[in-house]
């Protein structure tokens, strides 16, 4: 995932009253397909080493909140829902920006970030920080959730394995 952009990119120096326009152009710049379902929301897919994840971004004009929901590509079977819910609570203790939850409608984990835009504008740096956090956290904890679902690992064991930082390359 590309993280840097030239300061001469006109759309990054433009401030949007509706930040969905900035997110739309950001996604296009990353080479992601975008489905703009309305003026206030869009869908895109985030590529990653564990497969693509769906990202829904919505701007709530009345409250001036910008919401990012990243739906992880892991369906949680009924017999693992309690373990996954427990693990998401433990994972959230380790996350700085945003939180994980279990989307009850589809039984998939999602990572949610809600940004209040009290100043009314979204800036390039904010969007880069949010997208970096979404990518980092979903990629870091995807294996832990997958181990719980597929292998029946205990949440504590799966999270401990996900928290190990590796150095260098093999």
N, C-alpha and C. Protein backbone atom coordinates (compact mmCIF):
# COMPACT_ATOMS: atom_id res chain seq x y z
N UNK A 1 0.85 -1.16 0.00
CA UNK A 1 0.00 0.00 0.00
C UNK A 1 0.90 1.23 0.00
N UNK A 2 0.73 2.07 -0.97
CA UNK A 2 1.53 3.27 -1.09
C UNK A 2 1.11 4.26 -0.01
N UNK A 3 2.08 4.85 0.65
CA UNK A 3 1.76 5.76 1.74
C UNK A 3 2.14 7.20 1.45
N UNK A 4 2.98 7.45 0.47
CA UNK A 4 3.44 8.81 0.27
C UNK A 4 2.86 9.37 -1.02
N UNK A 5 2.65 10.66 -1.03
CA UNK A 5 2.10 11.35 -2.18
C UNK A 5 2.84 12.66 -2.34
N UNK A 6 3.00 13.08 -3.55
CA UNK A 6 3.64 14.35 -3.84
C UNK A 6 2.78 15.49 -3.34
N UNK A 7 3.41 16.49 -2.73
CA UNK A 7 2.66 17.63 -2.25
C UNK A 7 2.10 18.46 -3.40
N UNK A 8 2.53 18.16 -4.61
CA UNK A 8 2.01 18.88 -5.76
C UNK A 8 0.73 18.26 -6.31
N UNK A 9 0.33 17.11 -5.78
CA UNK A 9 -0.91 16.48 -6.22
C UNK A 9 -2.06 17.41 -5.87
N UNK A 10 -2.74 17.94 -6.88
CA UNK A 10 -3.75 18.97 -6.65
C UNK A 10 -4.88 18.51 -5.74
N UNK A 11 -5.31 17.26 -5.86
CA UNK A 11 -6.44 16.85 -5.04
C UNK A 11 -6.06 16.71 -3.58
N UNK A 12 -4.79 16.56 -3.27
CA UNK A 12 -4.39 16.51 -1.87
C UNK A 12 -4.25 17.89 -1.26
N UNK A 13 -4.07 18.89 -2.07
CA UNK A 13 -3.97 20.24 -1.53
C UNK A 13 -5.33 20.93 -1.52
N UNK A 14 -6.32 20.29 -2.14
CA UNK A 14 -7.68 20.82 -2.14
C UNK A 14 -8.39 20.34 -0.89
N UNK A 15 -9.12 21.22 -0.26
CA UNK A 15 -9.93 20.85 0.89
C UNK A 15 -11.35 20.62 0.40
N UNK A 16 -11.96 19.55 0.89
CA UNK A 16 -13.30 19.18 0.45
C UNK A 16 -14.30 19.42 1.58
N UNK A 17 -15.45 20.01 1.23
CA UNK A 17 -16.52 20.09 2.21
C UNK A 17 -17.08 18.70 2.47
N UNK A 18 -17.11 17.86 1.44
CA UNK A 18 -17.52 16.47 1.58
C UNK A 18 -16.26 15.62 1.40
N UNK A 19 -15.73 15.04 2.48
CA UNK A 19 -14.46 14.32 2.40
C UNK A 19 -14.52 13.04 1.56
N UNK A 20 -15.69 12.61 1.15
CA UNK A 20 -15.78 11.42 0.29
C UNK A 20 -15.06 11.68 -1.03
N UNK A 21 -15.08 12.92 -1.50
CA UNK A 21 -14.37 13.26 -2.73
C UNK A 21 -12.88 13.01 -2.60
N UNK A 22 -12.30 13.38 -1.45
CA UNK A 22 -10.87 13.15 -1.22
C UNK A 22 -10.59 11.65 -1.11
N UNK A 23 -11.45 10.92 -0.42
CA UNK A 23 -11.26 9.47 -0.28
C UNK A 23 -11.38 8.79 -1.64
N UNK A 24 -12.31 9.25 -2.46
CA UNK A 24 -12.51 8.70 -3.80
C UNK A 24 -11.22 8.85 -4.61
N UNK A 25 -10.66 10.03 -4.62
CA UNK A 25 -9.44 10.27 -5.39
C UNK A 25 -8.24 9.55 -4.79
N UNK A 26 -8.19 9.43 -3.48
CA UNK A 26 -7.13 8.67 -2.82
C UNK A 26 -7.16 7.22 -3.29
N UNK A 27 -8.35 6.61 -3.26
CA UNK A 27 -8.48 5.21 -3.67
C UNK A 27 -8.09 5.03 -5.14
N UNK A 28 -8.52 5.92 -5.98
CA UNK A 28 -8.17 5.85 -7.40
C UNK A 28 -6.66 5.96 -7.58
N UNK A 29 -6.03 6.87 -6.82
CA UNK A 29 -4.58 7.04 -6.88
C UNK A 29 -3.84 5.76 -6.46
N UNK A 30 -4.45 4.98 -5.55
CA UNK A 30 -3.85 3.73 -5.10
C UNK A 30 -4.07 2.60 -6.10
N UNK A 31 -4.90 2.84 -7.11
CA UNK A 31 -5.21 1.80 -8.08
C UNK A 31 -6.34 0.90 -7.65
N UNK A 32 -7.13 1.32 -6.67
CA UNK A 32 -8.24 0.53 -6.18
C UNK A 32 -9.50 0.88 -6.97
N UNK A 33 -10.35 -0.10 -7.21
CA UNK A 33 -11.63 0.19 -7.83
C UNK A 33 -12.52 0.87 -6.79
N UNK A 34 -13.37 1.76 -7.26
CA UNK A 34 -14.23 2.52 -6.36
C UNK A 34 -15.67 2.42 -6.85
N UNK A 35 -16.56 2.16 -5.91
CA UNK A 35 -18.00 2.18 -6.19
C UNK A 35 -18.58 3.31 -5.35
N UNK A 36 -18.89 4.40 -6.00
CA UNK A 36 -19.44 5.57 -5.31
C UNK A 36 -20.95 5.43 -5.32
N UNK A 37 -21.52 4.89 -4.26
CA UNK A 37 -22.95 4.60 -4.21
C UNK A 37 -23.81 5.84 -4.00
N UNK A 38 -23.22 6.91 -3.46
CA UNK A 38 -23.93 8.18 -3.29
C UNK A 38 -22.89 9.26 -3.04
N UNK A 39 -23.34 10.48 -2.87
CA UNK A 39 -22.43 11.58 -2.58
C UNK A 39 -21.78 11.43 -1.20
N UNK A 40 -22.41 10.65 -0.35
CA UNK A 40 -21.92 10.56 1.02
C UNK A 40 -21.28 9.23 1.38
N UNK A 41 -21.12 8.32 0.42
CA UNK A 41 -20.47 7.05 0.74
C UNK A 41 -19.83 6.42 -0.48
N UNK A 42 -18.85 5.56 -0.20
CA UNK A 42 -18.21 4.80 -1.26
C UNK A 42 -17.73 3.47 -0.72
N UNK A 43 -17.51 2.54 -1.64
CA UNK A 43 -16.95 1.22 -1.36
C UNK A 43 -15.68 1.07 -2.18
N UNK A 44 -14.69 0.41 -1.60
CA UNK A 44 -13.49 0.03 -2.33
C UNK A 44 -12.95 -1.25 -1.72
N UNK A 45 -11.98 -1.84 -2.37
CA UNK A 45 -11.32 -3.04 -1.83
C UNK A 45 -9.88 -2.72 -1.53
N UNK A 46 -9.46 -3.12 -0.34
CA UNK A 46 -8.07 -2.93 0.08
C UNK A 46 -7.31 -4.22 -0.14
N UNK A 47 -6.29 -4.19 -0.98
CA UNK A 47 -5.48 -5.41 -1.17
C UNK A 47 -4.56 -5.63 0.02
N UNK A 48 -4.27 -6.88 0.29
CA UNK A 48 -3.36 -7.19 1.38
C UNK A 48 -2.87 -8.61 1.27
N UNK A 49 -1.91 -8.97 2.10
CA UNK A 49 -1.34 -10.32 2.02
C UNK A 49 -2.31 -11.43 2.40
N UNK A 50 -3.39 -11.09 3.09
CA UNK A 50 -4.37 -12.09 3.51
C UNK A 50 -5.61 -12.04 2.64
N UNK A 51 -5.52 -11.37 1.51
CA UNK A 51 -6.66 -11.23 0.61
C UNK A 51 -7.25 -9.83 0.70
N UNK A 52 -8.15 -9.54 -0.20
CA UNK A 52 -8.79 -8.23 -0.23
C UNK A 52 -9.81 -8.09 0.89
N UNK A 53 -9.95 -6.86 1.37
CA UNK A 53 -10.95 -6.53 2.36
C UNK A 53 -11.80 -5.40 1.80
N UNK A 54 -13.08 -5.42 2.11
CA UNK A 54 -13.99 -4.36 1.64
C UNK A 54 -13.93 -3.18 2.61
N UNK A 55 -13.83 -1.99 2.05
CA UNK A 55 -13.83 -0.76 2.86
C UNK A 55 -15.03 0.08 2.45
N UNK A 56 -15.85 0.43 3.43
CA UNK A 56 -16.98 1.33 3.24
C UNK A 56 -16.66 2.62 3.97
N UNK A 57 -16.76 3.73 3.28
CA UNK A 57 -16.51 5.03 3.90
C UNK A 57 -17.77 5.86 3.72
N UNK A 58 -18.24 6.44 4.83
CA UNK A 58 -19.46 7.25 4.79
C UNK A 58 -19.24 8.55 5.54
N UNK A 59 -19.79 9.61 4.98
CA UNK A 59 -19.74 10.92 5.63
C UNK A 59 -21.14 11.27 6.09
N UNK A 60 -21.27 11.54 7.38
CA UNK A 60 -22.55 11.90 7.97
C UNK A 60 -22.55 13.43 8.10
N UNK A 61 -23.16 14.09 7.13
CA UNK A 61 -23.09 15.56 7.04
C UNK A 61 -23.68 16.24 8.27
N UNK A 62 -24.75 15.70 8.83
CA UNK A 62 -25.37 16.34 10.00
C UNK A 62 -24.45 16.38 11.21
N UNK A 63 -23.77 15.27 11.46
CA UNK A 63 -22.88 15.19 12.63
C UNK A 63 -21.44 15.56 12.29
N UNK A 64 -21.11 15.62 11.00
CA UNK A 64 -19.76 15.89 10.51
C UNK A 64 -18.79 14.77 10.92
N UNK A 65 -19.28 13.54 10.97
CA UNK A 65 -18.45 12.37 11.25
C UNK A 65 -18.14 11.65 9.95
N UNK A 66 -16.91 11.19 9.84
CA UNK A 66 -16.47 10.38 8.71
C UNK A 66 -16.20 8.99 9.26
N UNK A 67 -16.87 7.99 8.71
CA UNK A 67 -16.79 6.62 9.21
C UNK A 67 -16.14 5.72 8.18
N UNK A 68 -15.17 4.91 8.64
CA UNK A 68 -14.49 3.91 7.83
C UNK A 68 -14.78 2.54 8.44
N UNK A 69 -15.38 1.63 7.69
CA UNK A 69 -15.60 0.26 8.13
C UNK A 69 -14.85 -0.66 7.18
N UNK A 70 -13.93 -1.44 7.71
CA UNK A 70 -13.19 -2.41 6.91
C UNK A 70 -13.69 -3.79 7.30
N UNK A 71 -14.32 -4.46 6.33
CA UNK A 71 -14.90 -5.78 6.56
C UNK A 71 -13.85 -6.83 6.21
N UNK A 72 -13.43 -7.58 7.22
CA UNK A 72 -12.39 -8.57 7.03
C UNK A 72 -12.97 -9.81 6.35
N UNK A 73 -12.18 -10.44 5.54
CA UNK A 73 -12.61 -11.56 4.72
C UNK A 73 -12.51 -12.88 5.50
N UNK A 74 -13.23 -12.93 6.63
CA UNK A 74 -13.27 -14.14 7.47
C UNK A 74 -14.70 -14.30 7.98
N UNK A 75 -15.38 -15.33 7.56
CA UNK A 75 -16.73 -15.61 8.07
C UNK A 75 -16.58 -16.39 9.38
N UNK A 76 -17.28 -15.94 10.42
CA UNK A 76 -17.17 -16.56 11.73
C UNK A 76 -18.30 -17.58 11.91
N UNK A 77 -17.97 -18.87 12.05
CA UNK A 77 -19.02 -19.87 12.27
C UNK A 77 -19.60 -19.72 13.68
N UNK A 78 -20.84 -20.13 13.86
CA UNK A 78 -21.51 -19.97 15.17
C UNK A 78 -20.71 -20.51 16.35
N UNK A 79 -20.03 -21.64 16.18
CA UNK A 79 -19.30 -22.24 17.29
C UNK A 79 -18.05 -21.45 17.69
N UNK A 80 -17.62 -20.48 16.88
CA UNK A 80 -16.43 -19.67 17.19
C UNK A 80 -16.76 -18.22 17.55
N UNK A 81 -18.02 -17.85 17.51
CA UNK A 81 -18.39 -16.45 17.72
C UNK A 81 -18.02 -15.93 19.11
N UNK A 82 -18.20 -16.71 20.13
CA UNK A 82 -17.85 -16.27 21.49
C UNK A 82 -16.35 -16.07 21.61
N UNK A 83 -15.56 -17.00 21.09
CA UNK A 83 -14.10 -16.88 21.15
C UNK A 83 -13.61 -15.67 20.36
N UNK A 84 -14.18 -15.47 19.18
CA UNK A 84 -13.77 -14.32 18.36
C UNK A 84 -14.17 -13.02 19.04
N UNK A 85 -15.38 -12.95 19.59
CA UNK A 85 -15.82 -11.73 20.29
C UNK A 85 -14.89 -11.43 21.46
N UNK A 86 -14.51 -12.46 22.20
CA UNK A 86 -13.58 -12.28 23.31
C UNK A 86 -12.21 -11.79 22.81
N UNK A 87 -11.76 -12.37 21.71
CA UNK A 87 -10.46 -11.96 21.17
C UNK A 87 -10.50 -10.52 20.67
N UNK A 88 -11.61 -10.09 20.08
CA UNK A 88 -11.71 -8.71 19.60
C UNK A 88 -11.66 -7.73 20.76
N UNK A 89 -12.25 -8.10 21.89
CA UNK A 89 -12.15 -7.25 23.08
C UNK A 89 -10.70 -7.12 23.52
N UNK A 90 -9.97 -8.23 23.52
CA UNK A 90 -8.55 -8.20 23.91
C UNK A 90 -7.71 -7.45 22.89
N UNK A 91 -8.01 -7.61 21.61
CA UNK A 91 -7.28 -6.91 20.55
C UNK A 91 -7.48 -5.41 20.69
N UNK A 92 -8.69 -4.98 21.00
CA UNK A 92 -8.97 -3.55 21.11
C UNK A 92 -8.14 -2.86 22.18
N UNK A 93 -7.69 -3.61 23.17
CA UNK A 93 -6.81 -3.05 24.19
C UNK A 93 -5.44 -2.66 23.62
N UNK A 94 -5.13 -3.17 22.44
CA UNK A 94 -3.82 -2.97 21.82
C UNK A 94 -3.87 -2.02 20.62
N UNK A 95 -5.03 -1.50 20.32
CA UNK A 95 -5.22 -0.65 19.14
C UNK A 95 -5.34 0.80 19.57
N UNK A 96 -4.63 1.68 18.88
CA UNK A 96 -4.65 3.10 19.22
C UNK A 96 -5.76 3.86 18.53
N UNK A 97 -5.96 3.61 17.26
CA UNK A 97 -6.95 4.35 16.49
C UNK A 97 -7.94 3.35 15.92
N UNK A 98 -9.21 3.50 16.25
CA UNK A 98 -10.24 2.60 15.76
C UNK A 98 -10.47 1.43 16.70
N UNK A 99 -11.34 0.53 16.29
CA UNK A 99 -11.63 -0.67 17.08
C UNK A 99 -12.20 -1.76 16.19
N UNK A 100 -12.06 -2.99 16.67
CA UNK A 100 -12.63 -4.16 16.01
C UNK A 100 -13.98 -4.48 16.63
N UNK A 101 -14.86 -5.03 15.82
CA UNK A 101 -16.13 -5.53 16.32
C UNK A 101 -16.59 -6.65 15.41
N UNK A 102 -17.58 -7.39 15.85
CA UNK A 102 -18.14 -8.47 15.05
C UNK A 102 -19.45 -7.96 14.45
N UNK A 103 -19.48 -7.87 13.13
CA UNK A 103 -20.68 -7.40 12.44
C UNK A 103 -21.71 -8.51 12.47
N UNK A 104 -22.77 -8.29 13.22
CA UNK A 104 -23.74 -9.35 13.48
C UNK A 104 -24.50 -9.78 12.22
N UNK A 105 -24.74 -8.87 11.30
CA UNK A 105 -25.52 -9.20 10.10
C UNK A 105 -24.85 -10.27 9.24
N UNK A 106 -23.53 -10.15 9.05
CA UNK A 106 -22.81 -11.09 8.19
C UNK A 106 -21.85 -12.00 8.95
N UNK A 107 -21.71 -11.80 10.24
CA UNK A 107 -20.80 -12.58 11.07
C UNK A 107 -19.36 -12.52 10.56
N UNK A 108 -18.91 -11.31 10.30
CA UNK A 108 -17.51 -11.07 9.93
C UNK A 108 -16.95 -9.99 10.85
N UNK A 109 -15.66 -10.07 11.16
CA UNK A 109 -15.05 -9.00 11.94
C UNK A 109 -14.89 -7.76 11.07
N UNK A 110 -15.02 -6.62 11.69
CA UNK A 110 -14.75 -5.38 10.98
C UNK A 110 -13.92 -4.47 11.86
N UNK A 111 -13.17 -3.62 11.19
CA UNK A 111 -12.37 -2.61 11.89
C UNK A 111 -12.99 -1.27 11.56
N UNK A 112 -13.37 -0.50 12.60
CA UNK A 112 -14.08 0.75 12.42
C UNK A 112 -13.26 1.92 12.97
N UNK A 113 -13.20 2.97 12.17
CA UNK A 113 -12.61 4.23 12.60
C UNK A 113 -13.65 5.30 12.32
N UNK A 114 -13.94 6.12 13.31
CA UNK A 114 -14.85 7.25 13.13
C UNK A 114 -14.07 8.51 13.47
N UNK A 115 -14.06 9.43 12.53
CA UNK A 115 -13.29 10.66 12.67
C UNK A 115 -14.25 11.84 12.74
N UNK A 116 -14.27 12.55 13.87
CA UNK A 116 -15.08 13.77 13.93
C UNK A 116 -14.37 14.89 13.16
N UNK A 117 -15.09 15.51 12.27
CA UNK A 117 -14.51 16.60 11.48
C UNK A 117 -15.10 17.92 11.98
N UNK A 118 -14.84 18.20 13.25
CA UNK A 118 -15.42 19.41 13.85
C UNK A 118 -14.95 20.67 13.13
N UNK A 119 -13.74 20.65 12.58
CA UNK A 119 -13.27 21.77 11.78
C UNK A 119 -13.86 21.76 10.39
N UNK A 120 -14.55 20.67 10.06
CA UNK A 120 -15.27 20.59 8.81
C UNK A 120 -14.48 20.08 7.63
N UNK A 121 -13.22 19.81 7.77
CA UNK A 121 -12.41 19.42 6.62
C UNK A 121 -11.56 18.19 6.94
N UNK A 122 -11.26 17.43 5.89
CA UNK A 122 -10.34 16.31 5.98
C UNK A 122 -9.08 16.69 5.23
N UNK A 123 -7.95 16.47 5.86
CA UNK A 123 -6.68 16.81 5.26
C UNK A 123 -5.95 15.55 4.83
N UNK A 124 -5.08 15.71 3.88
CA UNK A 124 -4.28 14.62 3.32
C UNK A 124 -3.60 13.82 4.43
N UNK A 125 -2.99 14.50 5.36
CA UNK A 125 -2.25 13.82 6.43
C UNK A 125 -3.17 12.97 7.29
N UNK A 126 -4.37 13.48 7.57
CA UNK A 126 -5.33 12.70 8.34
C UNK A 126 -5.72 11.42 7.60
N UNK A 127 -6.01 11.57 6.33
CA UNK A 127 -6.41 10.41 5.52
C UNK A 127 -5.28 9.39 5.44
N UNK A 128 -4.06 9.85 5.24
CA UNK A 128 -2.91 8.92 5.23
C UNK A 128 -2.78 8.19 6.56
N UNK A 129 -2.94 8.91 7.67
CA UNK A 129 -2.84 8.28 8.99
C UNK A 129 -3.93 7.23 9.19
N UNK A 130 -5.13 7.57 8.79
CA UNK A 130 -6.25 6.63 8.95
C UNK A 130 -6.03 5.38 8.11
N UNK A 131 -5.68 5.57 6.85
CA UNK A 131 -5.49 4.43 5.97
C UNK A 131 -4.30 3.57 6.42
N UNK A 132 -3.25 4.19 6.92
CA UNK A 132 -2.12 3.44 7.46
C UNK A 132 -2.55 2.62 8.66
N UNK A 133 -3.34 3.22 9.56
CA UNK A 133 -3.82 2.50 10.74
C UNK A 133 -4.73 1.34 10.35
N UNK A 134 -5.63 1.57 9.42
CA UNK A 134 -6.53 0.50 8.97
C UNK A 134 -5.72 -0.66 8.41
N UNK A 135 -4.79 -0.35 7.54
CA UNK A 135 -3.97 -1.39 6.93
C UNK A 135 -3.15 -2.14 7.99
N UNK A 136 -2.48 -1.40 8.84
CA UNK A 136 -1.60 -2.01 9.85
C UNK A 136 -2.38 -2.92 10.80
N UNK A 137 -3.47 -2.42 11.33
CA UNK A 137 -4.20 -3.19 12.34
C UNK A 137 -4.92 -4.40 11.75
N UNK A 138 -5.54 -4.25 10.59
CA UNK A 138 -6.24 -5.40 10.01
C UNK A 138 -5.25 -6.47 9.58
N UNK A 139 -4.10 -6.08 9.06
CA UNK A 139 -3.11 -7.07 8.63
C UNK A 139 -2.43 -7.73 9.83
N UNK A 140 -2.24 -6.97 10.90
CA UNK A 140 -1.59 -7.53 12.09
C UNK A 140 -2.47 -8.57 12.79
N UNK A 141 -3.77 -8.31 12.87
CA UNK A 141 -4.63 -9.19 13.65
C UNK A 141 -5.43 -10.20 12.82
N UNK A 142 -5.38 -10.11 11.51
CA UNK A 142 -6.07 -11.08 10.67
C UNK A 142 -5.62 -12.51 11.00
N UNK A 143 -4.32 -12.78 11.08
CA UNK A 143 -3.90 -14.17 11.39
C UNK A 143 -4.43 -14.67 12.74
N UNK A 144 -4.48 -13.79 13.73
CA UNK A 144 -4.97 -14.21 15.05
C UNK A 144 -6.43 -14.65 14.96
N UNK A 145 -7.23 -13.86 14.28
CA UNK A 145 -8.65 -14.21 14.14
C UNK A 145 -8.80 -15.49 13.33
N UNK A 146 -8.01 -15.61 12.29
CA UNK A 146 -8.06 -16.81 11.44
C UNK A 146 -7.67 -18.06 12.24
N UNK A 147 -6.65 -17.95 13.11
CA UNK A 147 -6.24 -19.10 13.93
C UNK A 147 -7.37 -19.53 14.87
N UNK A 148 -8.08 -18.58 15.41
CA UNK A 148 -9.19 -18.91 16.30
C UNK A 148 -10.30 -19.62 15.51
N UNK A 149 -10.62 -19.08 14.33
CA UNK A 149 -11.70 -19.64 13.52
C UNK A 149 -11.34 -21.00 12.95
N UNK A 150 -10.17 -21.10 12.34
CA UNK A 150 -9.83 -22.34 11.62
C UNK A 150 -9.18 -23.41 12.49
N UNK A 151 -8.38 -22.99 13.47
CA UNK A 151 -7.62 -23.94 14.27
C UNK A 151 -8.18 -24.13 15.68
N UNK A 152 -9.12 -23.28 16.08
CA UNK A 152 -9.67 -23.38 17.42
C UNK A 152 -8.72 -22.92 18.51
N UNK A 153 -7.74 -22.08 18.15
CA UNK A 153 -6.77 -21.58 19.14
C UNK A 153 -7.49 -20.72 20.17
N UNK A 154 -6.92 -20.68 21.36
CA UNK A 154 -7.44 -19.80 22.41
C UNK A 154 -7.11 -18.36 22.02
N UNK A 155 -8.00 -17.42 22.32
CA UNK A 155 -7.75 -16.02 21.96
C UNK A 155 -6.41 -15.50 22.48
N UNK A 156 -6.05 -15.83 23.70
CA UNK A 156 -4.79 -15.35 24.27
C UNK A 156 -3.58 -15.84 23.46
N UNK A 157 -3.61 -17.10 23.06
CA UNK A 157 -2.52 -17.68 22.29
C UNK A 157 -2.42 -17.06 20.89
N UNK A 158 -3.55 -16.89 20.24
CA UNK A 158 -3.56 -16.32 18.89
C UNK A 158 -3.10 -14.87 18.90
N UNK A 159 -3.54 -14.10 19.87
CA UNK A 159 -3.15 -12.69 19.95
C UNK A 159 -1.68 -12.56 20.29
N UNK A 160 -1.18 -13.38 21.20
CA UNK A 160 0.24 -13.34 21.54
C UNK A 160 1.10 -13.61 20.30
N UNK A 161 0.70 -14.54 19.46
CA UNK A 161 1.44 -14.83 18.25
C UNK A 161 1.39 -13.65 17.27
N UNK A 162 0.26 -12.97 17.21
CA UNK A 162 0.12 -11.81 16.31
C UNK A 162 0.93 -10.62 16.79
N UNK A 163 1.20 -10.54 18.07
CA UNK A 163 1.91 -9.40 18.63
C UNK A 163 3.43 -9.52 18.48
N UNK A 164 3.92 -10.67 18.09
CA UNK A 164 5.36 -10.86 17.92
C UNK A 164 5.82 -10.04 16.73
N UNK A 165 6.75 -9.14 16.97
CA UNK A 165 7.32 -8.31 15.91
C UNK A 165 8.53 -9.04 15.34
N UNK A 166 8.55 -9.23 14.04
CA UNK A 166 9.71 -9.86 13.41
C UNK A 166 10.62 -8.79 12.86
N UNK A 167 11.90 -9.08 12.84
CA UNK A 167 12.88 -8.16 12.31
C UNK A 167 13.59 -8.80 11.13
N UNK A 168 13.85 -8.00 10.11
CA UNK A 168 14.58 -8.50 8.95
C UNK A 168 13.70 -9.35 8.07
N UNK A 169 14.35 -10.08 7.17
CA UNK A 169 13.63 -10.96 6.24
C UNK A 169 14.25 -12.33 6.29
N UNK A 170 13.43 -13.32 6.05
CA UNK A 170 13.91 -14.71 6.05
C UNK A 170 14.52 -15.05 4.71
